[in-house]
Amino acid sequence: MAGNKTGFAHGQLKAIVERIERLEEEKKAIAGDIKEVYAEAKANGFDTKILRKVISLRRKEAAERAEEQSMLDVYMAALGMIPGSAEEAA
């Protein structure tokens, strides 16, 4: 009885590993496709660093983006990186 259960676990484990391997291959192919799209964008004059930032921001909810921008403004002001901020005058 125990041998039968071990055989099932072996078969299940093998199936899981094979699925993960297939998905990893698909992920690699998709990553290659994304790289090609960025190369195309760059060839058409788009700034890929900015595109990556825009895509990152689009994944976030509006409230999360606003909170992030607010904190960024606070930090930048504290470092004197915003014109008219207190640290810039110092």
PDB file of N, CA and C in Angstrom:
ATOM      1  N   MET A   1       0.828  -1.200   0.000  1.00  0.00           N
ATOM      2  CA  MET A   1       0.000   0.000   0.000  1.00  0.00           C
ATOM      3  C   MET A   1       0.864   1.253   0.000  1.00  0.00           C
ATOM      4  N   ALA A   2       1.929   1.263   0.822  1.00  0.00           N
ATOM      5  CA  ALA A   2       2.800   2.441   0.913  1.00  0.00           C
ATOM      6  C   ALA A   2       3.516   2.673  -0.408  1.00  0.00           C
ATOM      7  N   GLY A   3       3.894   1.608  -1.098  1.00  0.00           N
ATOM      8  CA  GLY A   3       4.576   1.745  -2.379  1.00  0.00           C
ATOM      9  C   GLY A   3       3.707   2.414  -3.427  1.00  0.00           C
ATOM     10  N   ASN A   4       2.404   2.105  -3.403  1.00  0.00           N
ATOM     11  CA  ASN A   4       1.465   2.713  -4.334  1.00  0.00           C
ATOM     12  C   ASN A   4       1.368   4.213  -4.102  1.00  0.00           C
ATOM     13  N   LYS A   5       1.338   4.612  -2.838  1.00  0.00           N
ATOM     14  CA  LYS A   5       1.248   6.035  -2.487  1.00  0.00           C
ATOM     15  C   LYS A   5       2.521   6.762  -2.918  1.00  0.00           C
ATOM     16  N   THR A   6       3.673   6.121  -2.744  1.00  0.00           N
ATOM     17  CA  THR A   6       4.943   6.707  -3.144  1.00  0.00           C
ATOM     18  C   THR A   6       4.998   6.879  -4.658  1.00  0.00           C
ATOM     19  N   GLY A   7       4.484   5.883  -5.374  1.00  0.00           N
ATOM     20  CA  GLY A   7       4.443   5.972  -6.829  1.00  0.00           C
ATOM     21  C   GLY A   7       3.573   7.121  -7.296  1.00  0.00           C
ATOM     22  N   PHE A   8       2.433   7.316  -6.627  1.00  0.00           N
ATOM     23  CA  PHE A   8       1.543   8.431  -6.968  1.00  0.00           C
ATOM     24  C   PHE A   8       2.242   9.760  -6.695  1.00  0.00           C
ATOM     25  N   ALA A   9       2.895   9.870  -5.523  1.00  0.00           N
ATOM     26  CA  ALA A   9       3.596  11.104  -5.164  1.00  0.00           C
ATOM     27  C   ALA A   9       4.710  11.375  -6.169  1.00  0.00           C
ATOM     28  N   HIS A  10       5.396  10.342  -6.598  1.00  0.00           N
ATOM     29  CA  HIS A  10       6.462  10.490  -7.591  1.00  0.00           C
ATOM     30  C   HIS A  10       5.894  11.030  -8.904  1.00  0.00           C
ATOM     31  N   GLY A  11       4.797  10.432  -9.342  1.00  0.00           N
ATOM     32  CA  GLY A  11       4.166  10.881 -10.585  1.00  0.00           C
ATOM     33  C   GLY A  11       3.659  12.300 -10.483  1.00  0.00           C
ATOM     34  N   GLN A  12       3.084  12.643  -9.344  1.00  0.00           N
ATOM     35  CA  GLN A  12       2.573  13.998  -9.125  1.00  0.00           C
ATOM     36  C   GLN A  12       3.723  15.002  -9.097  1.00  0.00           C
ATOM     37  N   LEU A  13       4.796  14.646  -8.418  1.00  0.00           N
ATOM     38  CA  LEU A  13       5.969  15.516  -8.342  1.00  0.00           C
ATOM     39  C   LEU A  13       6.562  15.748  -9.730  1.00  0.00           C
ATOM     40  N   LYS A  14       6.672  14.681 -10.505  1.00  0.00           N
ATOM     41  CA  LYS A  14       7.223  14.796 -11.854  1.00  0.00           C
ATOM     42  C   LYS A  14       6.353  15.723 -12.709  1.00  0.00           C
ATOM     43  N   ALA A  15       5.032  15.592 -12.597  1.00  0.00           N
ATOM     44  CA  ALA A  15       4.113  16.436 -13.366  1.00  0.00           C
ATOM     45  C   ALA A  15       4.266  17.901 -12.969  1.00  0.00           C
ATOM     46  N   ILE A  16       4.398  18.151 -11.678  1.00  0.00           N
ATOM     47  CA  ILE A  16       4.562  19.531 -11.200  1.00  0.00           C
ATOM     48  C   ILE A  16       5.861  20.123 -11.721  1.00  0.00           C
ATOM     49  N   VAL A  17       6.945  19.364 -11.619  1.00  0.00           N
ATOM     50  CA  VAL A  17       8.247  19.846 -12.092  1.00  0.00           C
ATOM     51  C   VAL A  17       8.196  20.143 -13.591  1.00  0.00           C
ATOM     52  N   GLU A  18       7.583  19.267 -14.361  1.00  0.00           N
ATOM     53  CA  GLU A  18       7.485  19.477 -15.804  1.00  0.00           C
ATOM     54  C   GLU A  18       6.648  20.711 -16.140  1.00  0.00           C
ATOM     55  N   ARG A  19       5.558  20.947 -15.387  1.00  0.00           N
ATOM     56  CA  ARG A  19       4.749  22.156 -15.602  1.00  0.00           C
ATOM     57  C   ARG A  19       5.559  23.408 -15.316  1.00  0.00           C
ATOM     58  N   ILE A  20       6.296  23.386 -14.213  1.00  0.00           N
ATOM     59  CA  ILE A  20       7.134  24.544 -13.868  1.00  0.00           C
ATOM     60  C   ILE A  20       8.174  24.778 -14.952  1.00  0.00           C
ATOM     61  N   GLU A  21       8.791  23.735 -15.439  1.00  0.00           N
ATOM     62  CA  GLU A  21       9.794  23.872 -16.507  1.00  0.00           C
ATOM     63  C   GLU A  21       9.178  24.485 -17.763  1.00  0.00           C
ATOM     64  N   ARG A  22       7.973  24.038 -18.137  1.00  0.00           N
ATOM     65  CA  ARG A  22       7.299  24.609 -19.310  1.00  0.00           C
ATOM     66  C   ARG A  22       7.000  26.086 -19.096  1.00  0.00           C
ATOM     67  N   LEU A  23       6.508  26.424 -17.906  1.00  0.00           N
ATOM     68  CA  LEU A  23       6.198  27.826 -17.602  1.00  0.00           C
ATOM     69  C   LEU A  23       7.452  28.692 -17.602  1.00  0.00           C
ATOM     70  N   GLU A  24       8.552  28.158 -17.100  1.00  0.00           N
ATOM     71  CA  GLU A  24       9.821  28.900 -17.125  1.00  0.00           C
ATOM     72  C   GLU A  24      10.254  29.180 -18.569  1.00  0.00           C
ATOM     73  N   GLU A  25      10.070  28.209 -19.451  1.00  0.00           N
ATOM     74  CA  GLU A  25      10.397  28.408 -20.864  1.00  0.00           C
ATOM     75  C   GLU A  25       9.500  29.473 -21.484  1.00  0.00           C
ATOM     76  N   GLU A  26       8.203  29.434 -21.149  1.00  0.00           N
ATOM     77  CA  GLU A  26       7.273  30.446 -21.656  1.00  0.00           C
ATOM     78  C   GLU A  26       7.646  31.829 -21.133  1.00  0.00           C
ATOM     79  N   LYS A  27       8.037  31.882 -19.864  1.00  0.00           N
ATOM     80  CA  LYS A  27       8.436  33.152 -19.257  1.00  0.00           C
ATOM     81  C   LYS A  27       9.660  33.713 -19.976  1.00  0.00           C
ATOM     82  N   LYS A  28      10.610  32.845 -20.304  1.00  0.00           N
ATOM     83  CA  LYS A  28      11.808  33.276 -21.012  1.00  0.00           C
ATOM     84  C   LYS A  28      11.439  33.829 -22.393  1.00  0.00           C
ATOM     85  N   ALA A  29      10.524  33.154 -23.071  1.00  0.00           N
ATOM     86  CA  ALA A  29      10.086  33.607 -24.398  1.00  0.00           C
ATOM     87  C   ALA A  29       9.366  34.951 -24.302  1.00  0.00           C
ATOM     88  N   ILE A  30       8.521  35.111 -23.298  1.00  0.00           N
ATOM     89  CA  ILE A  30       7.789  36.372 -23.111  1.00  0.00           C
ATOM     90  C   ILE A  30       8.762  37.500 -22.782  1.00  0.00           C
ATOM     91  N   ALA A  31       9.757  37.212 -21.929  1.00  0.00           N
ATOM     92  CA  ALA A  31      10.761  38.226 -21.594  1.00  0.00           C
ATOM     93  C   ALA A  31      11.496  38.677 -22.849  1.00  0.00           C
ATOM     94  N   GLY A  32      11.772  37.743 -23.739  1.00  0.00           N
ATOM     95  CA  GLY A  32      12.413  38.089 -25.012  1.00  0.00           C
ATOM     96  C   GLY A  32      11.519  38.969 -25.866  1.00  0.00           C
ATOM     97  N   ASP A  33      10.228  38.656 -25.873  1.00  0.00           N
ATOM     98  CA  ASP A  33       9.267  39.469 -26.633  1.00  0.00           C
ATOM     99  C   ASP A  33       9.190  40.887 -26.076  1.00  0.00           C
ATOM    100  N   ILE A  34       9.180  41.004 -24.761  1.00  0.00           N
ATOM    101  CA  ILE A  34       9.115  42.326 -24.124  1.00  0.00           C
ATOM    102  C   ILE A  34      10.372  43.121 -24.468  1.00  0.00           C
ATOM    103  N   LYS A  35      11.508  42.468 -24.430  1.00  0.00           N
ATOM    104  CA  LYS A  35      12.775  43.130 -24.774  1.00  0.00           C
ATOM    105  C   LYS A  35      12.719  43.667 -26.206  1.00  0.00           C
ATOM    106  N   GLU A  36      12.151  42.891 -27.107  1.00  0.00           N
ATOM    107  CA  GLU A  36      12.016  43.318 -28.496  1.00  0.00           C
ATOM    108  C   GLU A  36      11.116  44.542 -28.623  1.00  0.00           C
ATOM    109  N   VAL A  37      10.037  44.581 -27.860  1.00  0.00           N
ATOM    110  CA  VAL A  37       9.118  45.722 -27.912  1.00  0.00           C
ATOM    111  C   VAL A  37       9.817  46.981 -27.395  1.00  0.00           C
ATOM    112  N   TYR A  38      10.594  46.841 -26.317  1.00  0.00           N
ATOM    113  CA  TYR A  38      11.350  47.991 -25.816  1.00  0.00           C
ATOM    114  C   TYR A  38      12.378  48.460 -26.853  1.00  0.00           C
ATOM    115  N   ALA A  39      13.022  47.530 -27.528  1.00  0.00           N
ATOM    116  CA  ALA A  39      13.984  47.894 -28.575  1.00  0.00           C
ATOM    117  C   ALA A  39      13.279  48.633 -29.712  1.00  0.00           C
ATOM    118  N   GLU A  40      12.094  48.184 -30.069  1.00  0.00           N
ATOM    119  CA  GLU A  40      11.302  48.849 -31.104  1.00  0.00           C
ATOM    120  C   GLU A  40      10.922  50.258 -30.660  1.00  0.00           C
ATOM    121  N   ALA A  41      10.508  50.387 -29.396  1.00  0.00           N
ATOM    122  CA  ALA A  41      10.141  51.693 -28.861  1.00  0.00           C
ATOM    123  C   ALA A  41      11.343  52.637 -28.903  1.00  0.00           C
ATOM    124  N   LYS A  42      12.506  52.121 -28.508  1.00  0.00           N
ATOM    125  CA  LYS A  42      13.730  52.929 -28.515  1.00  0.00           C
ATOM    126  C   LYS A  42      14.087  53.359 -29.939  1.00  0.00           C
ATOM    127  N   ALA A  43      13.942  52.439 -30.875  1.00  0.00           N
ATOM    128  CA  ALA A  43      14.233  52.752 -32.282  1.00  0.00           C
ATOM    129  C   ALA A  43      13.294  53.823 -32.824  1.00  0.00           C
ATOM    130  N   ASN A  44      12.107  53.926 -32.235  1.00  0.00           N
ATOM    131  CA  ASN A  44      11.140  54.936 -32.648  1.00  0.00           C
ATOM    132  C   ASN A  44      11.252  56.226 -31.845  1.00  0.00           C
ATOM    133  N   GLY A  45      12.327  56.340 -31.037  1.00  0.00           N
ATOM    134  CA  GLY A  45      12.598  57.578 -30.332  1.00  0.00           C
ATOM    135  C   GLY A  45      12.010  57.689 -28.933  1.00  0.00           C
ATOM    136  N   PHE A  46      11.424  56.620 -28.406  1.00  0.00           N
ATOM    137  CA  PHE A  46      10.872  56.669 -27.057  1.00  0.00           C
ATOM    138  C   PHE A  46      11.956  56.366 -26.032  1.00  0.00           C
ATOM    139  N   ASP A  47      11.855  57.008 -24.876  1.00  0.00           N
ATOM    140  CA  ASP A  47      12.780  56.781 -23.774  1.00  0.00           C
ATOM    141  C   ASP A  47      12.306  55.547 -23.010  1.00  0.00           C
ATOM    142  N   THR A  48      13.065  54.458 -23.089  1.00  0.00           N
ATOM    143  CA  THR A  48      12.623  53.202 -22.493  1.00  0.00           C
ATOM    144  C   THR A  48      12.618  53.248 -20.960  1.00  0.00           C
ATOM    145  N   LYS A  49      13.489  54.045 -20.374  1.00  0.00           N
ATOM    146  CA  LYS A  49      13.488  54.183 -18.911  1.00  0.00           C
ATOM    147  C   LYS A  49      12.165  54.800 -18.453  1.00  0.00           C
ATOM    148  N   ILE A  50      11.708  55.821 -19.178  1.00  0.00           N
ATOM    149  CA  ILE A  50      10.435  56.456 -18.853  1.00  0.00           C
ATOM    150  C   ILE A  50       9.270  55.504 -19.131  1.00  0.00           C
ATOM    151  N   LEU A  51       9.355  54.756 -20.220  1.00  0.00           N
ATOM    152  CA  LEU A  51       8.302  53.765 -20.516  1.00  0.00           C
ATOM    153  C   LEU A  51       8.170  52.757 -19.389  1.00  0.00           C
ATOM    154  N   ARG A  52       9.288  52.276 -18.879  1.00  0.00           N
ATOM    155  CA  ARG A  52       9.258  51.311 -17.770  1.00  0.00           C
ATOM    156  C   ARG A  52       8.602  51.929 -16.536  1.00  0.00           C
ATOM    157  N   LYS A  53       8.907  53.207 -16.268  1.00  0.00           N
ATOM    158  CA  LYS A  53       8.309  53.900 -15.126  1.00  0.00           C
ATOM    159  C   LYS A  53       6.803  54.047 -15.321  1.00  0.00           C
ATOM    160  N   VAL A  54       6.376  54.427 -16.536  1.00  0.00           N
ATOM    161  CA  VAL A  54       4.948  54.576 -16.830  1.00  0.00           C
ATOM    162  C   VAL A  54       4.224  53.244 -16.631  1.00  0.00           C
ATOM    163  N   ILE A  55       4.811  52.165 -17.104  1.00  0.00           N
ATOM    164  CA  ILE A  55       4.190  50.847 -16.955  1.00  0.00           C
ATOM    165  C   ILE A  55       4.096  50.477 -15.477  1.00  0.00           C
ATOM    166  N   SER A  56       5.134  50.777 -14.727  1.00  0.00           N
ATOM    167  CA  SER A  56       5.121  50.524 -13.287  1.00  0.00           C
ATOM    168  C   SER A  56       4.006  51.316 -12.601  1.00  0.00           C
ATOM    169  N   LEU A  57       3.861  52.574 -12.981  1.00  0.00           N
ATOM    170  CA  LEU A  57       2.831  53.422 -12.382  1.00  0.00           C
ATOM    171  C   LEU A  57       1.428  52.964 -12.757  1.00  0.00           C
ATOM    172  N   ARG A  58       1.244  52.478 -13.981  1.00  0.00           N
ATOM    173  CA  ARG A  58      -0.077  52.024 -14.428  1.00  0.00           C
ATOM    174  C   ARG A  58      -0.555  50.800 -13.661  1.00  0.00           C
ATOM    175  N   ARG A  59       0.383  50.048 -13.082  1.00  0.00           N
ATOM    176  CA  ARG A  59       0.022  48.861 -12.305  1.00  0.00           C
ATOM    177  C   ARG A  59      -0.568  49.230 -10.945  1.00  0.00           C
ATOM    178  N   LYS A  60      -0.330  50.461 -10.512  1.00  0.00           N
ATOM    179  CA  LYS A  60      -0.740  50.894  -9.177  1.00  0.00           C
ATOM    180  C   LYS A  60      -2.080  51.605  -9.225  1.00  0.00           C
ATOM    181  N   GLU A  61      -2.769  51.545  -8.106  1.00  0.00           N
ATOM    182  CA  GLU A  61      -4.021  52.285  -7.959  1.00  0.00           C
ATOM    183  C   GLU A  61      -3.695  53.779  -7.858  1.00  0.00           C
ATOM    184  N   ALA A  62      -4.663  54.627  -8.214  1.00  0.00           N
ATOM    185  CA  ALA A  62      -4.470  56.073  -8.185  1.00  0.00           C
ATOM    186  C   ALA A  62      -4.056  56.558  -6.797  1.00  0.00           C
ATOM    187  N   ALA A  63      -4.674  56.026  -5.755  1.00  0.00           N
ATOM    188  CA  ALA A  63      -4.347  56.449  -4.383  1.00  0.00           C
ATOM    189  C   ALA A  63      -2.909  56.084  -4.029  1.00  0.00           C
ATOM    190  N   GLU A  64      -2.478  54.918  -4.463  1.00  0.00           N
ATOM    191  CA  GLU A  64      -1.107  54.480  -4.187  1.00  0.00           C
ATOM    192  C   GLU A  64      -0.106  55.375  -4.917  1.00  0.00           C
ATOM    193  N   ARG A  65      -0.432  55.728  -6.177  1.00  0.00           N
ATOM    194  CA  ARG A  65       0.446  56.636  -6.936  1.00  0.00           C
ATOM    195  C   ARG A  65       0.521  57.995  -6.267  1.00  0.00           C
ATOM    196  N   ALA A  66      -0.623  58.517  -5.807  1.00  0.00           N
ATOM    197  CA  ALA A  66      -0.662  59.833  -5.161  1.00  0.00           C
ATOM    198  C   ALA A  66       0.153  59.822  -3.871  1.00  0.00           C
ATOM    199  N   GLU A  67       0.025  58.755  -3.087  1.00  0.00           N
ATOM    200  CA  GLU A  67       0.780  58.656  -1.836  1.00  0.00           C
ATOM    201  C   GLU A  67       2.284  58.593  -2.121  1.00  0.00           C
ATOM    202  N   GLU A  68       2.650  57.809  -3.128  1.00  0.00           N
ATOM    203  CA  GLU A  68       4.062  57.698  -3.506  1.00  0.00           C
ATOM    204  C   GLU A  68       4.608  59.047  -3.957  1.00  0.00           C
ATOM    205  N   GLN A  69       3.844  59.771  -4.769  1.00  0.00           N
ATOM    206  CA  GLN A  69       4.276  61.080  -5.256  1.00  0.00           C
ATOM    207  C   GLN A  69       4.406  62.069  -4.099  1.00  0.00           C
ATOM    208  N   SER A  70       3.479  62.000  -3.160  1.00  0.00           N
ATOM    209  CA  SER A  70       3.513  62.882  -2.006  1.00  0.00           C
ATOM    210  C   SER A  70       4.778  62.650  -1.180  1.00  0.00           C
ATOM    211  N   MET A  71       5.099  61.393  -0.936  1.00  0.00           N
ATOM    212  CA  MET A  71       6.305  61.070  -0.170  1.00  0.00           C
ATOM    213  C   MET A  71       7.564  61.481  -0.937  1.00  0.00           C
ATOM    214  N   LEU A  72       7.545  61.284  -2.240  1.00  0.00           N
ATOM    215  CA  LEU A  72       8.672  61.698  -3.068  1.00  0.00           C
ATOM    216  C   LEU A  72       8.875  63.207  -2.969  1.00  0.00           C
ATOM    217  N   ASP A  73       7.789  63.966  -3.019  1.00  0.00           N
ATOM    218  CA  ASP A  73       7.864  65.420  -2.892  1.00  0.00           C
ATOM    219  C   ASP A  73       8.440  65.835  -1.543  1.00  0.00           C
ATOM    220  N   VAL A  74       8.017  65.163  -0.476  1.00  0.00           N
ATOM    221  CA  VAL A  74       8.522  65.468   0.866  1.00  0.00           C
ATOM    222  C   VAL A  74      10.028  65.221   0.929  1.00  0.00           C
ATOM    223  N   TYR A  75      10.463  64.092   0.429  1.00  0.00           N
ATOM    224  CA  TYR A  75      11.889  63.753   0.467  1.00  0.00           C
ATOM    225  C   TYR A  75      12.701  64.729  -0.379  1.00  0.00           C
ATOM    226  N   MET A  76      12.199  65.019  -1.571  1.00  0.00           N
ATOM    227  CA  MET A  76      12.922  65.932  -2.460  1.00  0.00           C
ATOM    228  C   MET A  76      13.004  67.332  -1.862  1.00  0.00           C
ATOM    229  N   ALA A  77      11.925  67.791  -1.245  1.00  0.00           N
ATOM    230  CA  ALA A  77      11.931  69.106  -0.604  1.00  0.00           C
ATOM    231  C   ALA A  77      12.942  69.128   0.540  1.00  0.00           C
ATOM    232  N   ALA A  78      12.983  68.060   1.313  1.00  0.00           N
ATOM    233  CA  ALA A  78      13.920  67.973   2.430  1.00  0.00           C
ATOM    234  C   ALA A  78      15.372  68.004   1.952  1.00  0.00           C
ATOM    235  N   LEU A  79      15.599  67.525   0.753  1.00  0.00           N
ATOM    236  CA  LEU A  79      16.952  67.509   0.193  1.00  0.00           C
ATOM    237  C   LEU A  79      17.243  68.741  -0.662  1.00  0.00           C
ATOM    238  N   GLY A  80      16.294  69.668  -0.725  1.00  0.00           N
ATOM    239  CA  GLY A  80      16.490  70.888  -1.495  1.00  0.00           C
ATOM    240  C   GLY A  80      16.436  70.683  -2.999  1.00  0.00           C
ATOM    241  N   MET A  81      15.731  69.665  -3.425  1.00  0.00           N
ATOM    242  CA  MET A  81      15.657  69.338  -4.843  1.00  0.00           C
ATOM    243  C   MET A  81      14.449  69.951  -5.531  1.00  0.00           C
ATOM    244  N   ILE A  82      13.598  70.657  -4.769  1.00  0.00           N
ATOM    245  CA  ILE A  82      12.416  71.305  -5.337  1.00  0.00           C
ATOM    246  C   ILE A  82      12.631  72.811  -5.239  1.00  0.00           C
ATOM    247  N   PRO A  83      12.535  73.526  -6.368  1.00  0.00           N
ATOM    248  CA  PRO A  83      12.729  74.984  -6.336  1.00  0.00           C
ATOM    249  C   PRO A  83      11.832  75.645  -5.291  1.00  0.00           C
ATOM    250  N   GLY A  84      12.419  76.515  -4.472  1.00  0.00           N
ATOM    251  CA  GLY A  84      11.663  77.236  -3.463  1.00  0.00           C
ATOM    252  C   GLY A  84      11.540  76.482  -2.147  1.00  0.00           C
ATOM    253  N   SER A  85      12.119  75.271  -2.059  1.00  0.00           N
ATOM    254  CA  SER A  85      12.023  74.527  -0.792  1.00  0.00           C
ATOM    255  C   SER A  85      12.973  75.118   0.227  1.00  0.00           C
ATOM    256  N   ALA A  86      12.736  74.840   1.501  1.00  0.00           N
ATOM    257  CA  ALA A  86      13.515  75.408   2.593  1.00  0.00           C
ATOM    258  C   ALA A  86      14.990  75.032   2.500  1.00  0.00           C
ATOM    259  N   GLU A  87      15.298  73.805   2.160  1.00  0.00           N
ATOM    260  CA  GLU A  87      16.699  73.370   2.095  1.00  0.00           C
ATOM    261  C   GLU A  87      17.452  74.032   0.949  1.00  0.00           C
ATOM    262  N   GLU A  88      16.740  74.316  -0.139  1.00  0.00           N
ATOM    263  CA  GLU A  88      17.399  74.958  -1.278  1.00  0.00           C
ATOM    264  C   GLU A  88      17.883  76.347  -0.898  1.00  0.00           C
ATOM    265  N   ALA A  89      17.110  77.047  -0.073  1.00  0.00           N
ATOM    266  CA  ALA A  89      17.457  78.410   0.336  1.00  0.00           C
ATOM    267  C   ALA A  89      18.632  78.398   1.303  1.00  0.00           C
ATOM    268  N   ALA A  90      18.845  77.299   2.001  1.00  0.00           N
ATOM    269  CA  ALA A  90      19.900  77.229   3.027  1.00  0.00           C
ATOM    270  C   ALA A  90      21.280  77.121   2.472  1.00  0.00           C
TER     271      ALA A  90
END
